[in-house]
Amino acid sequence: MADAAIDTLDIAILGAVLVGSGIYWFKDKLLGSSTSTTSINKTNFAKQPLVPMQKPNAPALKINKTARKTRDFVEKMRETDKTVIFFYGSQTGTAEDYAARLAKEGTQRYNLKTMTADLEDYDMNLLDTLPADHLAVFVLATYGEGEPTDNAVDFWEHLVSGEDVPEFS
């Protein structure tokens, strides 16, 4: 019987697969279950209010409505009690992602008070006012043949112009 196209074992396996599939697809009717695990009761789902997800026991975020937008990153660091700032210049978000990862690792691993900032949001003429116990890190991307990204153009031109170059002690 080794030469037969369909063996008795083949028929038994095929039958078991068919019976198993039938039981799976018609289990609700066979077992008499009134609720299906694959269907959603749309009327109850639609009536539930949308509630934002929150971590258990997480304090509610406090929003300071009187906060003003400042270009002075030293003042911002002082207000938020941060000692390390990661500036990023990014076109596609890669440098921004790296800056965020570095800031997160600095906080978790080395217990630093970090923040990230877009280069074009702050005045880089204030670099020399950064206190000696604070640190500024620059994570910059380029495109083409080393051209600065859109949000880093002003910073790059400030550096290469030689005018108003910050004096560090």
C-alpha atoms as a PDB file:
ATOM      1  CA  MET A   1       0.000   0.000   0.000  1.00  0.00           C
ATOM      2  CA  ALA A   2       3.044   2.253  -0.092  1.00  0.00           C
ATOM      3  CA  ASP A   3       2.334   2.956  -3.785  1.00  0.00           C
ATOM      4  CA  ALA A   4      -1.249   4.189  -3.230  1.00  0.00           C
ATOM      5  CA  ALA A   5      -1.840   7.891  -3.908  1.00  0.00           C
ATOM      6  CA  ILE A   6      -4.043   8.318  -0.821  1.00  0.00           C
ATOM      7  CA  ASP A   7      -3.252   6.214   2.209  1.00  0.00           C
ATOM      8  CA  THR A   8      -5.634   5.392   5.077  1.00  0.00           C
ATOM      9  CA  LEU A   9      -3.537   7.602   7.369  1.00  0.00           C
ATOM     10  CA  ASP A  10      -3.954  10.515   4.924  1.00  0.00           C
ATOM     11  CA  ILE A  11      -7.739  10.114   5.037  1.00  0.00           C
ATOM     12  CA  ALA A  12      -7.718   9.988   8.850  1.00  0.00           C
ATOM     13  CA  ILE A  13      -5.602  13.186   9.114  1.00  0.00           C
ATOM     14  CA  LEU A  14      -7.740  15.017   6.543  1.00  0.00           C
ATOM     15  CA  GLY A  15     -10.909  13.978   8.391  1.00  0.00           C
ATOM     16  CA  ALA A  16      -9.518  15.159  11.738  1.00  0.00           C
ATOM     17  CA  VAL A  17      -8.583  18.547  10.253  1.00  0.00           C
ATOM     18  CA  LEU A  18     -12.054  18.975   8.741  1.00  0.00           C
ATOM     19  CA  VAL A  19     -13.819  17.998  11.980  1.00  0.00           C
ATOM     20  CA  GLY A  20     -11.560  20.311  14.023  1.00  0.00           C
ATOM     21  CA  SER A  21     -12.167  23.210  11.634  1.00  0.00           C
ATOM     22  CA  GLY A  22     -15.914  22.649  11.742  1.00  0.00           C
ATOM     23  CA  ILE A  23     -15.948  22.602  15.531  1.00  0.00           C
ATOM     24  CA  TYR A  24     -13.873  25.796  15.662  1.00  0.00           C
ATOM     25  CA  TRP A  25     -16.074  27.739  13.237  1.00  0.00           C
ATOM     26  CA  PHE A  26     -19.390  26.544  14.678  1.00  0.00           C
ATOM     27  CA  LYS A  27     -18.424  26.295  18.362  1.00  0.00           C
ATOM     28  CA  ASP A  28     -20.948  28.942  19.445  1.00  0.00           C
ATOM     29  CA  LYS A  29     -23.852  27.052  17.887  1.00  0.00           C
ATOM     30  CA  LEU A  30     -22.597  23.663  19.055  1.00  0.00           C
ATOM     31  CA  LEU A  31     -21.851  24.710  22.632  1.00  0.00           C
ATOM     32  CA  GLY A  32     -24.874  27.007  22.982  1.00  0.00           C
ATOM     33  CA  SER A  33     -22.863  30.088  23.931  1.00  0.00           C
ATOM     34  CA  SER A  34     -24.888  33.288  23.587  1.00  0.00           C
ATOM     35  CA  THR A  35     -21.884  35.622  23.533  1.00  0.00           C
ATOM     36  CA  SER A  36     -19.277  35.420  20.858  1.00  0.00           C
ATOM     37  CA  THR A  37     -15.662  36.231  21.575  1.00  0.00           C
ATOM     38  CA  THR A  38     -15.176  37.562  18.059  1.00  0.00           C
ATOM     39  CA  SER A  39     -18.072  40.032  17.941  1.00  0.00           C
ATOM     40  CA  ILE A  40     -18.395  43.362  19.709  1.00  0.00           C
ATOM     41  CA  ASN A  41     -21.645  44.597  21.137  1.00  0.00           C
ATOM     42  CA  LYS A  42     -21.729  47.869  19.184  1.00  0.00           C
ATOM     43  CA  THR A  43     -24.492  49.510  21.174  1.00  0.00           C
ATOM     44  CA  ASN A  44     -22.638  49.223  24.483  1.00  0.00           C
ATOM     45  CA  PHE A  45     -19.339  50.181  22.880  1.00  0.00           C
ATOM     46  CA  ALA A  46     -20.742  53.364  21.340  1.00  0.00           C
ATOM     47  CA  LYS A  47     -22.294  54.541  24.623  1.00  0.00           C
ATOM     48  CA  GLN A  48     -19.032  54.408  26.578  1.00  0.00           C
ATOM     49  CA  PRO A  49     -17.365  57.806  27.035  1.00  0.00           C
ATOM     50  CA  LEU A  50     -13.870  58.309  25.700  1.00  0.00           C
ATOM     51  CA  VAL A  51     -11.456  58.576  28.603  1.00  0.00           C
ATOM     52  CA  PRO A  52      -7.731  59.252  28.097  1.00  0.00           C
ATOM     53  CA  MET A  53      -5.494  56.443  29.274  1.00  0.00           C
ATOM     54  CA  GLN A  54      -3.513  57.143  32.414  1.00  0.00           C
ATOM     55  CA  LYS A  55      -0.980  55.175  34.358  1.00  0.00           C
ATOM     56  CA  PRO A  56      -2.369  53.860  37.628  1.00  0.00           C
ATOM     57  CA  ASN A  57      -1.669  56.215  40.531  1.00  0.00           C
ATOM     58  CA  ALA A  58      -0.061  58.725  38.147  1.00  0.00           C
ATOM     59  CA  PRO A  59      -0.440  62.342  39.182  1.00  0.00           C
ATOM     60  CA  ALA A  60      -2.454  64.495  36.825  1.00  0.00           C
ATOM     61  CA  LEU A  61      -0.417  66.724  34.555  1.00  0.00           C
ATOM     62  CA  LYS A  62      -0.339  70.329  35.669  1.00  0.00           C
ATOM     63  CA  ILE A  63      -0.600  72.775  32.825  1.00  0.00           C
ATOM     64  CA  ASN A  64       0.809  76.215  33.452  1.00  0.00           C
ATOM     65  CA  LYS A  65      -1.483  78.481  31.444  1.00  0.00           C
ATOM     66  CA  THR A  66       0.554  81.574  32.312  1.00  0.00           C
ATOM     67  CA  ALA A  67       3.772  80.141  30.874  1.00  0.00           C
ATOM     68  CA  ARG A  68       5.242  82.382  28.230  1.00  0.00           C
ATOM     69  CA  LYS A  69       7.304  81.362  25.255  1.00  0.00           C
ATOM     70  CA  THR A  70      10.895  82.448  25.802  1.00  0.00           C
ATOM     71  CA  ARG A  71      13.928  82.142  23.547  1.00  0.00           C
ATOM     72  CA  ASP A  72      16.253  82.215  26.572  1.00  0.00           C
ATOM     73  CA  PHE A  73      17.154  78.563  27.153  1.00  0.00           C
ATOM     74  CA  VAL A  74      19.163  79.415  30.299  1.00  0.00           C
ATOM     75  CA  GLU A  75      16.057  80.970  31.852  1.00  0.00           C
ATOM     76  CA  LYS A  76      13.986  77.962  30.745  1.00  0.00           C
ATOM     77  CA  MET A  77      16.513  75.586  32.337  1.00  0.00           C
ATOM     78  CA  ARG A  78      16.426  77.599  35.552  1.00  0.00           C
ATOM     79  CA  GLU A  79      12.587  77.627  35.610  1.00  0.00           C
ATOM     80  CA  THR A  80      12.335  73.868  35.040  1.00  0.00           C
ATOM     81  CA  ASP A  81      15.316  73.002  37.289  1.00  0.00           C
ATOM     82  CA  LYS A  82      17.321  71.305  34.502  1.00  0.00           C
ATOM     83  CA  THR A  83      21.116  71.110  34.348  1.00  0.00           C
ATOM     84  CA  VAL A  84      21.676  69.451  30.955  1.00  0.00           C
ATOM     85  CA  ILE A  85      20.081  70.516  27.670  1.00  0.00           C
ATOM     86  CA  PHE A  86      20.221  68.453  24.486  1.00  0.00           C
ATOM     87  CA  PHE A  87      19.802  70.667  21.423  1.00  0.00           C
ATOM     88  CA  TYR A  88      18.864  68.914  18.201  1.00  0.00           C
ATOM     89  CA  GLY A  89      18.971  69.883  14.565  1.00  0.00           C
ATOM     90  CA  SER A  90      16.944  67.400  12.574  1.00  0.00           C
ATOM     91  CA  GLN A  91      15.262  67.180   9.180  1.00  0.00           C
ATOM     92  CA  THR A  92      13.588  63.777   9.482  1.00  0.00           C
ATOM     93  CA  GLY A  93      13.471  63.429  13.273  1.00  0.00           C
ATOM     94  CA  THR A  94      16.436  61.084  13.692  1.00  0.00           C
ATOM     95  CA  ALA A  95      18.623  63.585  15.567  1.00  0.00           C
ATOM     96  CA  GLU A  96      15.606  64.590  17.651  1.00  0.00           C
ATOM     97  CA  ASP A  97      15.060  60.934  18.543  1.00  0.00           C
ATOM     98  CA  TYR A  98      18.734  60.500  19.477  1.00  0.00           C
ATOM     99  CA  ALA A  99      18.624  63.629  21.636  1.00  0.00           C
ATOM    100  CA  ALA A 100      15.505  62.339  23.408  1.00  0.00           C
ATOM    101  CA  ARG A 101      17.133  58.948  23.984  1.00  0.00           C
ATOM    102  CA  LEU A 102      20.304  60.531  25.349  1.00  0.00           C
ATOM    103  CA  ALA A 103      18.280  62.785  27.646  1.00  0.00           C
ATOM    104  CA  LYS A 104      16.226  59.841  28.883  1.00  0.00           C
ATOM    105  CA  GLU A 105      19.315  57.742  29.529  1.00  0.00           C
ATOM    106  CA  GLY A 106      20.998  60.661  31.283  1.00  0.00           C
ATOM    107  CA  THR A 107      18.008  60.938  33.591  1.00  0.00           C
ATOM    108  CA  GLN A 108      17.555  57.218  34.246  1.00  0.00           C
ATOM    109  CA  ARG A 109      21.152  56.057  34.388  1.00  0.00           C
ATOM    110  CA  TYR A 110      23.035  59.070  35.741  1.00  0.00           C
ATOM    111  CA  ASN A 111      20.260  60.904  37.595  1.00  0.00           C
ATOM    112  CA  LEU A 112      20.785  64.075  35.530  1.00  0.00           C
ATOM    113  CA  LYS A 113      18.100  66.721  35.139  1.00  0.00           C
ATOM    114  CA  THR A 114      17.793  66.817  31.352  1.00  0.00           C
ATOM    115  CA  MET A 115      15.682  68.437  28.683  1.00  0.00           C
ATOM    116  CA  THR A 116      15.637  68.513  24.880  1.00  0.00           C
ATOM    117  CA  ALA A 117      15.235  71.587  22.697  1.00  0.00           C
ATOM    118  CA  ASP A 118      14.958  72.476  19.037  1.00  0.00           C
ATOM    119  CA  LEU A 119      17.834  74.727  17.933  1.00  0.00           C
ATOM    120  CA  GLU A 120      15.574  77.208  16.172  1.00  0.00           C
ATOM    121  CA  ASP A 121      13.370  77.721  19.244  1.00  0.00           C
ATOM    122  CA  TYR A 122      16.125  79.313  21.345  1.00  0.00           C
ATOM    123  CA  ASP A 123      18.633  82.156  21.044  1.00  0.00           C
ATOM    124  CA  MET A 124      22.138  80.726  20.632  1.00  0.00           C
ATOM    125  CA  ASN A 125      23.709  84.135  21.407  1.00  0.00           C
ATOM    126  CA  LEU A 126      23.059  83.225  25.043  1.00  0.00           C
ATOM    127  CA  LEU A 127      25.419  80.233  25.063  1.00  0.00           C
ATOM    128  CA  ASP A 128      28.006  82.161  27.059  1.00  0.00           C
ATOM    129  CA  THR A 129      25.453  82.781  29.844  1.00  0.00           C
ATOM    130  CA  LEU A 130      25.127  79.062  30.542  1.00  0.00           C
ATOM    131  CA  PRO A 131      26.285  78.473  34.144  1.00  0.00           C
ATOM    132  CA  ALA A 132      29.511  76.511  34.634  1.00  0.00           C
ATOM    133  CA  ASP A 133      27.672  73.650  36.368  1.00  0.00           C
ATOM    134  CA  HIS A 134      25.275  73.219  33.410  1.00  0.00           C
ATOM    135  CA  LEU A 135      25.895  71.380  30.158  1.00  0.00           C
ATOM    136  CA  ALA A 136      24.710  71.878  26.567  1.00  0.00           C
ATOM    137  CA  VAL A 137      24.914  68.934  24.149  1.00  0.00           C
ATOM    138  CA  PHE A 138      24.330  69.325  20.409  1.00  0.00           C
ATOM    139  CA  VAL A 139      22.929  66.447  18.343  1.00  0.00           C
ATOM    140  CA  LEU A 140      22.923  67.542  14.711  1.00  0.00           C
ATOM    141  CA  ALA A 141      22.023  65.829  11.485  1.00  0.00           C
ATOM    142  CA  THR A 142      23.119  66.858   8.001  1.00  0.00           C
ATOM    143  CA  TYR A 143      21.851  66.222   4.521  1.00  0.00           C
ATOM    144  CA  GLY A 144      23.394  66.259   1.064  1.00  0.00           C
ATOM    145  CA  GLU A 145      27.098  66.994   1.337  1.00  0.00           C
ATOM    146  CA  GLY A 146      27.086  67.993   4.997  1.00  0.00           C
ATOM    147  CA  GLU A 147      24.557  70.821   4.755  1.00  0.00           C
ATOM    148  CA  PRO A 148      22.802  71.811   8.003  1.00  0.00           C
ATOM    149  CA  THR A 149      19.151  70.919   8.436  1.00  0.00           C
ATOM    150  CA  ASP A 150      16.452  73.595   8.138  1.00  0.00           C
ATOM    151  CA  ASN A 151      16.183  74.154  11.880  1.00  0.00           C
ATOM    152  CA  ALA A 152      19.990  74.346  12.303  1.00  0.00           C
ATOM    153  CA  VAL A 153      20.797  76.821   9.499  1.00  0.00           C
ATOM    154  CA  ASP A 154      20.716  79.920  11.731  1.00  0.00           C
ATOM    155  CA  PHE A 155      22.898  78.231  14.358  1.00  0.00           C
ATOM    156  CA  TRP A 156      25.394  77.086  11.717  1.00  0.00           C
ATOM    157  CA  GLU A 157      25.579  80.543  10.138  1.00  0.00           C
ATOM    158  CA  HIS A 158      26.077  82.054  13.597  1.00  0.00           C
ATOM    159  CA  LEU A 159      29.018  79.716  14.230  1.00  0.00           C
ATOM    160  CA  VAL A 160      30.796  80.186  10.892  1.00  0.00           C
ATOM    161  CA  SER A 161      30.200  83.950  10.614  1.00  0.00           C
ATOM    162  CA  GLY A 162      32.595  84.744  13.449  1.00  0.00           C
ATOM    163  CA  GLU A 163      30.321  87.583  14.598  1.00  0.00           C
ATOM    164  CA  ASP A 164      28.990  87.622  18.143  1.00  0.00           C
ATOM    165  CA  VAL A 165      30.821  84.390  18.919  1.00  0.00           C
ATOM    166  CA  PRO A 166      30.165  83.490  22.564  1.00  0.00           C
ATOM    167  CA  GLU A 167      33.085  83.815  24.961  1.00  0.00           C
ATOM    168  CA  PHE A 168      33.409  80.911  27.341  1.00  0.00           C
ATOM    169  CA  SER A 169      35.459  81.024  30.505  1.00  0.00           C
END
